[in-house]
């Protein structure tokens, strides 16, 4: 039953952002930028494990993981504005983000930070 609740809550958030984006893009962007899924994941993780250290680790890793994901939101609109088709722009943006994550993890490791 917990899995069903998790799936429904996640689906409602994603659907809400998509539907809101049709009429109120700025509001949809704000909603999408909120760490709702991260918060829900932490609540579920804590309720299932009662392990505060797991929450600390997850929260810290999310912090470090957010930074390279922002490259996606820079590359995608640039590609679309320059006439690239949506599917190609999404794929290239995702690949760019993957490369950014790979480089980022390598650089963080040099400073002793693991995610």
PDB file of N, CA and C in Angstrom:
ATOM      1  N   UNK A   1       0.817  -1.196   0.000  1.00  0.00           N
ATOM      2  CA  UNK A   1       0.000   0.000   0.000  1.00  0.00           C
ATOM      3  C   UNK A   1       0.862   1.262   0.000  1.00  0.00           C
ATOM      4  N   UNK A   2       2.011   1.204   0.731  1.00  0.00           N
ATOM      5  CA  UNK A   2       2.901   2.368   0.753  1.00  0.00           C
ATOM      6  C   UNK A   2       3.425   2.688  -0.634  1.00  0.00           C
ATOM      7  N   UNK A   3       3.729   1.675  -1.424  1.00  0.00           N
ATOM      8  CA  UNK A   3       4.225   1.899  -2.777  1.00  0.00           C
ATOM      9  C   UNK A   3       3.159   2.579  -3.634  1.00  0.00           C
ATOM     10  N   UNK A   4       1.926   2.194  -3.471  1.00  0.00           N
ATOM     11  CA  UNK A   4       0.833   2.793  -4.237  1.00  0.00           C
ATOM     12  C   UNK A   4       0.706   4.268  -3.871  1.00  0.00           C
ATOM     13  N   UNK A   5       0.781   4.587  -2.597  1.00  0.00           N
ATOM     14  CA  UNK A   5       0.699   5.983  -2.145  1.00  0.00           C
ATOM     15  C   UNK A   5       1.866   6.785  -2.711  1.00  0.00           C
ATOM     16  N   UNK A   6       3.066   6.215  -2.693  1.00  0.00           N
ATOM     17  CA  UNK A   6       4.247   6.896  -3.234  1.00  0.00           C
ATOM     18  C   UNK A   6       4.072   7.180  -4.724  1.00  0.00           C
ATOM     19  N   UNK A   7       3.602   6.194  -5.445  1.00  0.00           N
ATOM     20  CA  UNK A   7       3.417   6.344  -6.891  1.00  0.00           C
ATOM     21  C   UNK A   7       2.353   7.396  -7.189  1.00  0.00           C
ATOM     22  N   UNK A   8       1.247   7.343  -6.472  1.00  0.00           N
ATOM     23  CA  UNK A   8       0.163   8.306  -6.700  1.00  0.00           C
ATOM     24  C   UNK A   8       0.617   9.721  -6.366  1.00  0.00           C
ATOM     25  N   UNK A   9       1.290   9.913  -5.229  1.00  0.00           N
ATOM     26  CA  UNK A   9       1.757  11.252  -4.836  1.00  0.00           C
ATOM     27  C   UNK A   9       2.734  11.804  -5.875  1.00  0.00           C
ATOM     28  N   UNK A  10       3.658  10.979  -6.315  1.00  0.00           N
ATOM     29  CA  UNK A  10       4.633  11.418  -7.324  1.00  0.00           C
ATOM     30  C   UNK A  10       3.939  11.752  -8.639  1.00  0.00           C
ATOM     31  N   UNK A  11       3.026  10.907  -9.045  1.00  0.00           N
ATOM     32  CA  UNK A  11       2.296  11.133 -10.299  1.00  0.00           C
ATOM     33  C   UNK A  11       1.467  12.410 -10.226  1.00  0.00           C
ATOM     34  N   UNK A  12       0.857  12.668  -9.087  1.00  0.00           N
ATOM     35  CA  UNK A  12       0.057  13.885  -8.936  1.00  0.00           C
ATOM     36  C   UNK A  12       0.919  15.139  -9.038  1.00  0.00           C
ATOM     37  N   UNK A  13       2.099  15.106  -8.460  1.00  0.00           N
ATOM     38  CA  UNK A  13       2.993  16.263  -8.539  1.00  0.00           C
ATOM     39  C   UNK A  13       3.420  16.499  -9.992  1.00  0.00           C
ATOM     40  N   UNK A  14       3.842  15.448 -10.672  1.00  0.00           N
ATOM     41  CA  UNK A  14       4.290  15.579 -12.055  1.00  0.00           C
ATOM     42  C   UNK A  14       3.146  16.040 -12.950  1.00  0.00           C
ATOM     43  N   UNK A  15       1.983  15.445 -12.780  1.00  0.00           N
ATOM     44  CA  UNK A  15       0.819  15.838 -13.574  1.00  0.00           C
ATOM     45  C   UNK A  15       0.420  17.271 -13.272  1.00  0.00           C
ATOM     46  N   UNK A  16       0.463  17.642 -12.003  1.00  0.00           N
ATOM     47  CA  UNK A  16       0.125  19.010 -11.607  1.00  0.00           C
ATOM     48  C   UNK A  16       1.025  20.035 -12.271  1.00  0.00           C
ATOM     49  N   UNK A  17       2.316  19.761 -12.302  1.00  0.00           N
ATOM     50  CA  UNK A  17       3.261  20.679 -12.946  1.00  0.00           C
ATOM     51  C   UNK A  17       2.979  20.760 -14.450  1.00  0.00           C
ATOM     52  N   UNK A  18       2.762  19.620 -15.078  1.00  0.00           N
ATOM     53  CA  UNK A  18       2.501  19.599 -16.527  1.00  0.00           C
ATOM     54  C   UNK A  18       1.220  20.357 -16.874  1.00  0.00           C
ATOM     55  N   UNK A  19       0.172  20.141 -16.098  1.00  0.00           N
ATOM     56  CA  UNK A  19      -1.097  20.816 -16.368  1.00  0.00           C
ATOM     57  C   UNK A  19      -1.005  22.310 -16.071  1.00  0.00           C
ATOM     58  N   UNK A  20      -0.364  22.653 -14.984  1.00  0.00           N
ATOM     59  CA  UNK A  20      -0.192  24.056 -14.614  1.00  0.00           C
ATOM     60  C   UNK A  20       0.657  24.778 -15.663  1.00  0.00           C
ATOM     61  N   UNK A  21       1.620  24.073 -16.227  1.00  0.00           N
ATOM     62  CA  UNK A  21       2.486  24.650 -17.254  1.00  0.00           C
ATOM     63  C   UNK A  21       1.748  25.066 -18.505  1.00  0.00           C
ATOM     64  N   UNK A  22       0.578  24.502 -18.748  1.00  0.00           N
ATOM     65  CA  UNK A  22      -0.202  24.857 -19.929  1.00  0.00           C
ATOM     66  C   UNK A  22      -0.757  26.275 -19.836  1.00  0.00           C
ATOM     67  N   UNK A  23      -1.042  26.732 -18.607  1.00  0.00           N
ATOM     68  CA  UNK A  23      -1.678  28.039 -18.450  1.00  0.00           C
ATOM     69  C   UNK A  23      -0.851  29.029 -17.647  1.00  0.00           C
ATOM     70  N   UNK A  24      -0.089  28.541 -16.685  1.00  0.00           N
ATOM     71  CA  UNK A  24       0.669  29.420 -15.791  1.00  0.00           C
ATOM     72  C   UNK A  24       2.105  28.918 -15.677  1.00  0.00           C
ATOM     73  N   UNK A  25       2.875  29.153 -16.728  1.00  0.00           N
ATOM     74  CA  UNK A  25       4.236  28.638 -16.780  1.00  0.00           C
ATOM     75  C   UNK A  25       5.097  29.063 -15.591  1.00  0.00           C
ATOM     76  N   UNK A  26       5.075  30.342 -15.191  1.00  0.00           N
ATOM     77  CA  UNK A  26       5.915  30.718 -14.040  1.00  0.00           C
ATOM     78  C   UNK A  26       5.552  29.960 -12.767  1.00  0.00           C
ATOM     79  N   UNK A  27       4.275  29.767 -12.524  1.00  0.00           N
ATOM     80  CA  UNK A  27       3.843  29.029 -11.340  1.00  0.00           C
ATOM     81  C   UNK A  27       4.246  27.559 -11.436  1.00  0.00           C
ATOM     82  N   UNK A  28       4.130  26.988 -12.621  1.00  0.00           N
ATOM     83  CA  UNK A  28       4.555  25.598 -12.830  1.00  0.00           C
ATOM     84  C   UNK A  28       6.060  25.465 -12.604  1.00  0.00           C
ATOM     85  N   UNK A  29       6.814  26.457 -13.054  1.00  0.00           N
ATOM     86  CA  UNK A  29       8.265  26.428 -12.861  1.00  0.00           C
ATOM     87  C   UNK A  29       8.619  26.488 -11.377  1.00  0.00           C
ATOM     88  N   UNK A  30       7.911  27.321 -10.643  1.00  0.00           N
ATOM     89  CA  UNK A  30       8.163  27.411  -9.200  1.00  0.00           C
ATOM     90  C   UNK A  30       7.841  26.084  -8.529  1.00  0.00           C
ATOM     91  N   UNK A  31       6.702  25.507  -8.872  1.00  0.00           N
ATOM     92  CA  UNK A  31       6.320  24.221  -8.295  1.00  0.00           C
ATOM     93  C   UNK A  31       7.344  23.137  -8.647  1.00  0.00           C
ATOM     94  N   UNK A  32       7.786  23.119  -9.898  1.00  0.00           N
ATOM     95  CA  UNK A  32       8.756  22.110 -10.323  1.00  0.00           C
ATOM     96  C   UNK A  32      10.106  22.300  -9.639  1.00  0.00           C
ATOM     97  N   UNK A  33      10.432  23.538  -9.300  1.00  0.00           N
ATOM     98  CA  UNK A  33      11.727  23.792  -8.683  1.00  0.00           C
ATOM     99  C   UNK A  33      11.748  23.478  -7.190  1.00  0.00           C
ATOM    100  N   UNK A  34      10.579  23.338  -6.600  1.00  0.00           N
ATOM    101  CA  UNK A  34      10.527  22.986  -5.184  1.00  0.00           C
ATOM    102  C   UNK A  34      11.007  21.552  -4.993  1.00  0.00           C
ATOM    103  N   UNK A  35      11.667  21.294  -3.911  1.00  0.00           N
ATOM    104  CA  UNK A  35      12.178  19.930  -3.692  1.00  0.00           C
ATOM    105  C   UNK A  35      11.114  18.983  -3.124  1.00  0.00           C
ATOM    106  N   UNK A  36       9.921  19.024  -3.717  1.00  0.00           N
ATOM    107  CA  UNK A  36       8.816  18.220  -3.200  1.00  0.00           C
ATOM    108  C   UNK A  36       9.122  16.730  -3.208  1.00  0.00           C
ATOM    109  N   UNK A  37       9.665  16.247  -4.307  1.00  0.00           N
ATOM    110  CA  UNK A  37       9.969  14.813  -4.379  1.00  0.00           C
ATOM    111  C   UNK A  37      11.086  14.448  -3.403  1.00  0.00           C
ATOM    112  N   UNK A  38      12.051  15.335  -3.257  1.00  0.00           N
ATOM    113  CA  UNK A  38      13.120  15.081  -2.287  1.00  0.00           C
ATOM    114  C   UNK A  38      12.569  15.023  -0.868  1.00  0.00           C
ATOM    115  N   UNK A  39      11.694  15.955  -0.544  1.00  0.00           N
ATOM    116  CA  UNK A  39      11.091  15.979   0.793  1.00  0.00           C
ATOM    117  C   UNK A  39      10.266  14.721   1.029  1.00  0.00           C
ATOM    118  N   UNK A  40       9.453  14.346   0.044  1.00  0.00           N
ATOM    119  CA  UNK A  40       8.659  13.123   0.178  1.00  0.00           C
ATOM    120  C   UNK A  40       9.561  11.908   0.343  1.00  0.00           C
ATOM    121  N   UNK A  41      10.630  11.849  -0.439  1.00  0.00           N
ATOM    122  CA  UNK A  41      11.555  10.714  -0.335  1.00  0.00           C
ATOM    123  C   UNK A  41      12.170  10.654   1.063  1.00  0.00           C
ATOM    124  N   UNK A  42      12.526  11.812   1.619  1.00  0.00           N
ATOM    125  CA  UNK A  42      13.107  11.834   2.968  1.00  0.00           C
ATOM    126  C   UNK A  42      12.084  11.406   4.020  1.00  0.00           C
ATOM    127  N   UNK A  43      10.860  11.871   3.882  1.00  0.00           N
ATOM    128  CA  UNK A  43       9.804  11.484   4.822  1.00  0.00           C
ATOM    129  C   UNK A  43       9.575   9.984   4.764  1.00  0.00           C
ATOM    130  N   UNK A  44       9.479   9.428   3.548  1.00  0.00           N
ATOM    131  CA  UNK A  44       9.250   7.987   3.416  1.00  0.00           C
ATOM    132  C   UNK A  44      10.450   7.201   3.924  1.00  0.00           C
ATOM    133  N   UNK A  45      11.653   7.654   3.592  1.00  0.00           N
ATOM    134  CA  UNK A  45      12.861   6.975   4.050  1.00  0.00           C
ATOM    135  C   UNK A  45      12.924   6.957   5.573  1.00  0.00           C
ATOM    136  N   UNK A  46      12.643   8.104   6.189  1.00  0.00           N
ATOM    137  CA  UNK A  46      12.682   8.162   7.643  1.00  0.00           C
ATOM    138  C   UNK A  46      11.581   7.299   8.270  1.00  0.00           C
ATOM    139  N   UNK A  47      10.371   7.370   7.693  1.00  0.00           N
ATOM    140  CA  UNK A  47       9.264   6.590   8.271  1.00  0.00           C
ATOM    141  C   UNK A  47       9.526   5.091   8.179  1.00  0.00           C
ATOM    142  N   UNK A  48      10.275   4.675   7.162  1.00  0.00           N
ATOM    143  CA  UNK A  48      10.564   3.251   6.994  1.00  0.00           C
ATOM    144  C   UNK A  48      11.798   2.789   7.761  1.00  0.00           C
ATOM    145  N   UNK A  49      12.771   3.697   7.985  1.00  0.00           N
ATOM    146  CA  UNK A  49      14.028   3.278   8.605  1.00  0.00           C
ATOM    147  C   UNK A  49      14.290   3.897   9.972  1.00  0.00           C
ATOM    148  N   UNK A  50      13.719   5.073  10.224  1.00  0.00           N
ATOM    149  CA  UNK A  50      13.993   5.857  11.452  1.00  0.00           C
ATOM    150  C   UNK A  50      15.486   6.156  11.589  1.00  0.00           C
ATOM    151  N   UNK A  51      16.193   6.141  10.474  1.00  0.00           N
ATOM    152  CA  UNK A  51      17.630   6.347  10.457  1.00  0.00           C
ATOM    153  C   UNK A  51      17.943   7.780  10.024  1.00  0.00           C
ATOM    154  N   UNK A  52      18.294   8.616  11.004  1.00  0.00           N
ATOM    155  CA  UNK A  52      18.585  10.020  10.734  1.00  0.00           C
ATOM    156  C   UNK A  52      19.820  10.159   9.841  1.00  0.00           C
ATOM    157  N   UNK A  53      20.798   9.286  10.003  1.00  0.00           N
ATOM    158  CA  UNK A  53      22.012   9.369   9.187  1.00  0.00           C
ATOM    159  C   UNK A  53      21.694   9.170   7.709  1.00  0.00           C
ATOM    160  N   UNK A  54      20.734   8.312   7.398  1.00  0.00           N
ATOM    161  CA  UNK A  54      20.336   8.123   5.996  1.00  0.00           C
ATOM    162  C   UNK A  54      19.751   9.414   5.434  1.00  0.00           C
ATOM    163  N   UNK A  55      18.997  10.155   6.261  1.00  0.00           N
ATOM    164  CA  UNK A  55      18.416  11.432   5.835  1.00  0.00           C
ATOM    165  C   UNK A  55      19.527  12.454   5.623  1.00  0.00           C
ATOM    166  N   UNK A  56      20.488  12.490   6.551  1.00  0.00           N
ATOM    167  CA  UNK A  56      21.634  13.403   6.415  1.00  0.00           C
ATOM    168  C   UNK A  56      22.369  13.108   5.115  1.00  0.00           C
ATOM    169  N   UNK A  57      22.664  11.840   4.870  1.00  0.00           N
ATOM    170  CA  UNK A  57      23.388  11.449   3.655  1.00  0.00           C
ATOM    171  C   UNK A  57      22.601  11.791   2.395  1.00  0.00           C
ATOM    172  N   UNK A  58      21.319  11.470   2.388  1.00  0.00           N
ATOM    173  CA  UNK A  58      20.482  11.755   1.225  1.00  0.00           C
ATOM    174  C   UNK A  58      20.414  13.257   0.969  1.00  0.00           C
ATOM    175  N   UNK A  59      20.173  14.031   2.012  1.00  0.00           N
ATOM    176  CA  UNK A  59      20.069  15.478   1.869  1.00  0.00           C
ATOM    177  C   UNK A  59      21.366  16.081   1.352  1.00  0.00           C
ATOM    178  N   UNK A  60      22.477  15.652   1.890  1.00  0.00           N
ATOM    179  CA  UNK A  60      23.781  16.154   1.448  1.00  0.00           C
ATOM    180  C   UNK A  60      24.043  15.781  -0.005  1.00  0.00           C
ATOM    181  N   UNK A  61      23.750  14.550  -0.361  1.00  0.00           N
ATOM    182  CA  UNK A  61      23.958  14.106  -1.739  1.00  0.00           C
ATOM    183  C   UNK A  61      23.042  14.841  -2.714  1.00  0.00           C
ATOM    184  N   UNK A  62      21.811  15.109  -2.302  1.00  0.00           N
ATOM    185  CA  UNK A  62      20.902  15.878  -3.158  1.00  0.00           C
ATOM    186  C   UNK A  62      21.479  17.270  -3.389  1.00  0.00           C
ATOM    187  N   UNK A  63      21.979  17.891  -2.324  1.00  0.00           N
ATOM    188  CA  UNK A  63      22.573  19.227  -2.468  1.00  0.00           C
ATOM    189  C   UNK A  63      23.664  19.217  -3.539  1.00  0.00           C
ATOM    190  N   UNK A  64      24.591  18.276  -3.424  1.00  0.00           N
ATOM    191  CA  UNK A  64      25.698  18.226  -4.373  1.00  0.00           C
ATOM    192  C   UNK A  64      25.227  17.835  -5.768  1.00  0.00           C
ATOM    193  N   UNK A  65      24.167  17.055  -5.865  1.00  0.00           N
ATOM    194  CA  UNK A  65      23.697  16.582  -7.170  1.00  0.00           C
ATOM    195  C   UNK A  65      22.880  17.621  -7.931  1.00  0.00           C
ATOM    196  N   UNK A  66      22.343  18.606  -7.249  1.00  0.00           N
ATOM    197  CA  UNK A  66      21.512  19.610  -7.912  1.00  0.00           C
ATOM    198  C   UNK A  66      22.328  20.474  -8.874  1.00  0.00           C
ATOM    199  N   UNK A  67      23.513  20.834  -8.476  1.00  0.00           N
ATOM    200  CA  UNK A  67      24.296  21.795  -9.263  1.00  0.00           C
ATOM    201  C   UNK A  67      24.509  21.381 -10.721  1.00  0.00           C
ATOM    202  N   UNK A  68      24.994  20.169 -11.004  1.00  0.00           N
ATOM    203  CA  UNK A  68      25.191  19.838 -12.418  1.00  0.00           C
ATOM    204  C   UNK A  68      23.882  19.619 -13.177  1.00  0.00           C
ATOM    205  N   UNK A  69      22.789  19.373 -12.479  1.00  0.00           N
ATOM    206  CA  UNK A  69      21.512  19.196 -13.185  1.00  0.00           C
ATOM    207  C   UNK A  69      21.039  20.507 -13.799  1.00  0.00           C
ATOM    208  N   UNK A  70      21.510  21.619 -13.283  1.00  0.00           N
ATOM    209  CA  UNK A  70      21.094  22.923 -13.804  1.00  0.00           C
ATOM    210  C   UNK A  70      21.542  23.143 -15.246  1.00  0.00           C
ATOM    211  N   UNK A  71      22.605  22.466 -15.665  1.00  0.00           N
ATOM    212  CA  UNK A  71      23.087  22.596 -17.041  1.00  0.00           C
ATOM    213  C   UNK A  71      21.994  22.200 -18.033  1.00  0.00           C
ATOM    214  N   UNK A  72      21.180  21.215 -17.648  1.00  0.00           N
ATOM    215  CA  UNK A  72      20.075  20.773 -18.509  1.00  0.00           C
ATOM    216  C   UNK A  72      19.146  21.939 -18.826  1.00  0.00           C
ATOM    217  N   UNK A  73      18.850  22.749 -17.802  1.00  0.00           N
ATOM    218  CA  UNK A  73      17.899  23.852 -17.954  1.00  0.00           C
ATOM    219  C   UNK A  73      18.508  25.062 -18.664  1.00  0.00           C
ATOM    220  N   UNK A  74      19.800  25.037 -18.874  1.00  0.00           N
ATOM    221  CA  UNK A  74      20.443  26.055 -19.702  1.00  0.00           C
ATOM    222  C   UNK A  74      20.521  25.606 -21.152  1.00  0.00           C
ATOM    223  N   UNK A  75      20.891  24.353 -21.362  1.00  0.00           N
ATOM    224  CA  UNK A  75      21.100  23.828 -22.714  1.00  0.00           C
ATOM    225  C   UNK A  75      19.777  23.652 -23.462  1.00  0.00           C
ATOM    226  N   UNK A  76      18.769  23.084 -22.805  1.00  0.00           N
ATOM    227  CA  UNK A  76      17.495  22.796 -23.497  1.00  0.00           C
ATOM    228  C   UNK A  76      16.875  24.037 -24.143  1.00  0.00           C
ATOM    229  N   UNK A  77      16.663  25.128 -23.414  1.00  0.00           N
ATOM    230  CA  UNK A  77      16.046  26.277 -24.086  1.00  0.00           C
ATOM    231  C   UNK A  77      16.924  26.876 -25.176  1.00  0.00           C
ATOM    232  N   UNK A  78      18.247  26.824 -25.011  1.00  0.00           N
ATOM    233  CA  UNK A  78      19.130  27.337 -26.062  1.00  0.00           C
ATOM    234  C   UNK A  78      18.968  26.534 -27.351  1.00  0.00           C
ATOM    235  N   UNK A  79      18.914  25.220 -27.214  1.00  0.00           N
ATOM    236  CA  UNK A  79      18.747  24.373 -28.393  1.00  0.00           C
ATOM    237  C   UNK A  79      17.394  24.602 -29.055  1.00  0.00           C
ATOM    238  N   UNK A  80      16.347  24.689 -28.256  1.00  0.00           N
ATOM    239  CA  UNK A  80      15.000  24.897 -28.807  1.00  0.00           C
ATOM    240  C   UNK A  80      14.881  26.264 -29.483  1.00  0.00           C
ATOM    241  N   UNK A  81      15.453  27.291 -28.868  1.00  0.00           N
ATOM    242  CA  UNK A  81      15.416  28.636 -29.463  1.00  0.00           C
ATOM    243  C   UNK A  81      16.173  28.695 -30.777  1.00  0.00           C
ATOM    244  N   UNK A  82      17.159  27.823 -30.928  1.00  0.00           N
ATOM    245  CA  UNK A  82      17.938  27.790 -32.167  1.00  0.00           C
ATOM    246  C   UNK A  82      17.364  26.827 -33.193  1.00  0.00           C
ATOM    247  N   UNK A  83      16.121  26.375 -32.981  1.00  0.00           N
ATOM    248  CA  UNK A  83      15.412  25.618 -33.998  1.00  0.00           C
ATOM    249  C   UNK A  83      15.535  24.110 -33.939  1.00  0.00           C
ATOM    250  N   UNK A  84      16.215  23.582 -32.939  1.00  0.00           N
ATOM    251  CA  UNK A  84      16.327  22.121 -32.848  1.00  0.00           C
ATOM    252  C   UNK A  84      14.974  21.538 -32.448  1.00  0.00           C
ATOM    253  N   UNK A  85      14.647  20.396 -32.992  1.00  0.00           N
ATOM    254  CA  UNK A  85      13.397  19.709 -32.648  1.00  0.00           C
ATOM    255  C   UNK A  85      13.421  19.296 -31.183  1.00  0.00           C
ATOM    256  N   UNK A  86      12.252  19.204 -30.574  1.00  0.00           N
ATOM    257  CA  UNK A  86      12.128  18.925 -29.146  1.00  0.00           C
ATOM    258  C   UNK A  86      12.847  17.637 -28.734  1.00  0.00           C
ATOM    259  N   UNK A  87      12.603  16.546 -29.443  1.00  0.00           N
ATOM    260  CA  UNK A  87      13.199  15.261 -29.061  1.00  0.00           C
ATOM    261  C   UNK A  87      14.722  15.323 -29.108  1.00  0.00           C
ATOM    262  N   UNK A  88      15.261  15.885 -30.167  1.00  0.00           N
ATOM    263  CA  UNK A  88      16.714  16.004 -30.286  1.00  0.00           C
ATOM    264  C   UNK A  88      17.271  16.905 -29.187  1.00  0.00           C
ATOM    265  N   UNK A  89      16.580  17.997 -28.914  1.00  0.00           N
ATOM    266  CA  UNK A  89      17.026  18.927 -27.868  1.00  0.00           C
ATOM    267  C   UNK A  89      17.018  18.252 -26.498  1.00  0.00           C
ATOM    268  N   UNK A  90      16.003  17.457 -26.233  1.00  0.00           N
ATOM    269  CA  UNK A  90      15.936  16.734 -24.957  1.00  0.00           C
ATOM    270  C   UNK A  90      17.091  15.734 -24.843  1.00  0.00           C
ATOM    271  N   UNK A  91      17.344  15.007 -25.900  1.00  0.00           N
ATOM    272  CA  UNK A  91      18.414  14.000 -25.877  1.00  0.00           C
ATOM    273  C   UNK A  91      19.767  14.670 -25.691  1.00  0.00           C
ATOM    274  N   UNK A  92      20.032  15.710 -26.452  1.00  0.00           N
ATOM    275  CA  UNK A  92      21.316  16.409 -26.334  1.00  0.00           C
ATOM    276  C   UNK A  92      21.459  17.039 -24.953  1.00  0.00           C
ATOM    277  N   UNK A  93      20.397  17.610 -24.436  1.00  0.00           N
ATOM    278  CA  UNK A  93      20.437  18.211 -23.101  1.00  0.00           C
ATOM    279  C   UNK A  93      20.704  17.160 -22.037  1.00  0.00           C
ATOM    280  N   UNK A  94      20.077  16.001 -22.176  1.00  0.00           N
ATOM    281  CA  UNK A  94      20.288  14.915 -21.211  1.00  0.00           C
ATOM    282  C   UNK A  94      21.726  14.397 -21.289  1.00  0.00           C
ATOM    283  N   UNK A  95      22.244  14.252 -22.492  1.00  0.00           N
ATOM    284  CA  UNK A  95      23.633  13.800 -22.656  1.00  0.00           C
ATOM    285  C   UNK A  95      24.593  14.832 -22.064  1.00  0.00           C
ATOM    286  N   UNK A  96      24.322  16.106 -22.326  1.00  0.00           N
ATOM    287  CA  UNK A  96      25.151  17.176 -21.772  1.00  0.00           C
ATOM    288  C   UNK A  96      25.123  17.131 -20.249  1.00  0.00           C
ATOM    289  N   UNK A  97      23.945  16.906 -19.695  1.00  0.00           N
ATOM    290  CA  UNK A  97      23.824  16.818 -18.242  1.00  0.00           C
ATOM    291  C   UNK A  97      24.596  15.609 -17.708  1.00  0.00           C
ATOM    292  N   UNK A  98      24.517  14.494 -18.393  1.00  0.00           N
ATOM    293  CA  UNK A  98      25.261  13.301 -17.985  1.00  0.00           C
ATOM    294  C   UNK A  98      26.766  13.571 -17.979  1.00  0.00           C
ATOM    295  N   UNK A  99      27.235  14.238 -19.014  1.00  0.00           N
ATOM    296  CA  UNK A  99      28.663  14.586 -19.084  1.00  0.00           C
ATOM    297  C   UNK A  99      29.022  15.536 -17.936  1.00  0.00           C
ATOM    298  N   UNK A 100      28.149  16.509 -17.688  1.00  0.00           N
ATOM    299  CA  UNK A 100      28.393  17.450 -16.588  1.00  0.00           C
ATOM    300  C   UNK A 100      28.454  16.716 -15.251  1.00  0.00           C
ATOM    301  N   UNK A 101      27.540  15.770 -15.046  1.00  0.00           N
ATOM    302  CA  UNK A 101      27.564  14.968 -13.810  1.00  0.00           C
ATOM    303  C   UNK A 101      28.867  14.183 -13.704  1.00  0.00           C
ATOM    304  N   UNK A 102      29.280  13.576 -14.789  1.00  0.00           N
ATOM    305  CA  UNK A 102      30.506  12.775 -14.769  1.00  0.00           C
ATOM    306  C   UNK A 102      31.712  13.632 -14.401  1.00  0.00           C
ATOM    307  N   UNK A 103      31.837  14.773 -15.040  1.00  0.00           N
ATOM    308  CA  UNK A 103      32.943  15.680 -14.727  1.00  0.00           C
ATOM    309  C   UNK A 103      32.850  16.200 -13.295  1.00  0.00           C
ATOM    310  N   UNK A 104      31.657  16.534 -12.886  1.00  0.00           N
ATOM    311  CA  UNK A 104      31.407  17.075 -11.551  1.00  0.00           C
ATOM    312  C   UNK A 104      31.790  16.074 -10.467  1.00  0.00           C
ATOM    313  N   UNK A 105      31.394  14.832 -10.643  1.00  0.00           N
ATOM    314  CA  UNK A 105      31.727  13.778  -9.670  1.00  0.00           C
ATOM    315  C   UNK A 105      33.243  13.595  -9.608  1.00  0.00           C
ATOM    316  N   UNK A 106      33.893  13.649 -10.756  1.00  0.00           N
ATOM    317  CA  UNK A 106      35.346  13.527 -10.804  1.00  0.00           C
ATOM    318  C   UNK A 106      36.007  14.682 -10.041  1.00  0.00           C
ATOM    319  N   UNK A 107      35.541  15.902 -10.272  1.00  0.00           N
ATOM    320  CA  UNK A 107      36.110  17.080  -9.598  1.00  0.00           C
ATOM    321  C   UNK A 107      35.842  17.021  -8.094  1.00  0.00           C
ATOM    322  N   UNK A 108      34.617  16.671  -7.706  1.00  0.00           N
ATOM    323  CA  UNK A 108      34.306  16.566  -6.282  1.00  0.00           C
ATOM    324  C   UNK A 108      35.181  15.546  -5.596  1.00  0.00           C
ATOM    325  N   UNK A 109      35.441  14.426  -6.273  1.00  0.00           N
ATOM    326  CA  UNK A 109      36.282  13.375  -5.692  1.00  0.00           C
ATOM    327  C   UNK A 109      37.687  13.898  -5.404  1.00  0.00           C
ATOM    328  N   UNK A 110      38.164  14.809  -6.234  1.00  0.00           N
ATOM    329  CA  UNK A 110      39.482  15.405  -6.007  1.00  0.00           C
ATOM    330  C   UNK A 110      39.520  16.199  -4.698  1.00  0.00           C
ATOM    331  N   UNK A 111      38.343  16.684  -4.262  1.00  0.00           N
ATOM    332  CA  UNK A 111      38.241  17.440  -3.019  1.00  0.00           C
ATOM    333  C   UNK A 111      37.740  16.567  -1.862  1.00  0.00           C
ATOM    334  N   UNK A 112      37.670  15.269  -2.109  1.00  0.00           N
ATOM    335  CA  UNK A 112      37.261  14.338  -1.053  1.00  0.00           C
ATOM    336  C   UNK A 112      35.766  14.275  -0.814  1.00  0.00           C
ATOM    337  N   UNK A 113      34.968  14.771  -1.769  1.00  0.00           N
ATOM    338  CA  UNK A 113      33.517  14.759  -1.636  1.00  0.00           C
ATOM    339  C   UNK A 113      32.966  13.653  -2.523  1.00  0.00           C
ATOM    340  N   UNK A 114      32.198  12.735  -1.924  1.00  0.00           N
ATOM    341  CA  UNK A 114      31.610  11.634  -2.692  1.00  0.00           C
ATOM    342  C   UNK A 114      30.099  11.773  -2.696  1.00  0.00           C
ATOM    343  N   UNK A 115      29.525  11.571  -3.873  1.00  0.00           N
ATOM    344  CA  UNK A 115      28.067  11.519  -3.972  1.00  0.00           C
ATOM    345  C   UNK A 115      27.676  10.222  -4.645  1.00  0.00           C
TER     346      UNK A 115
END
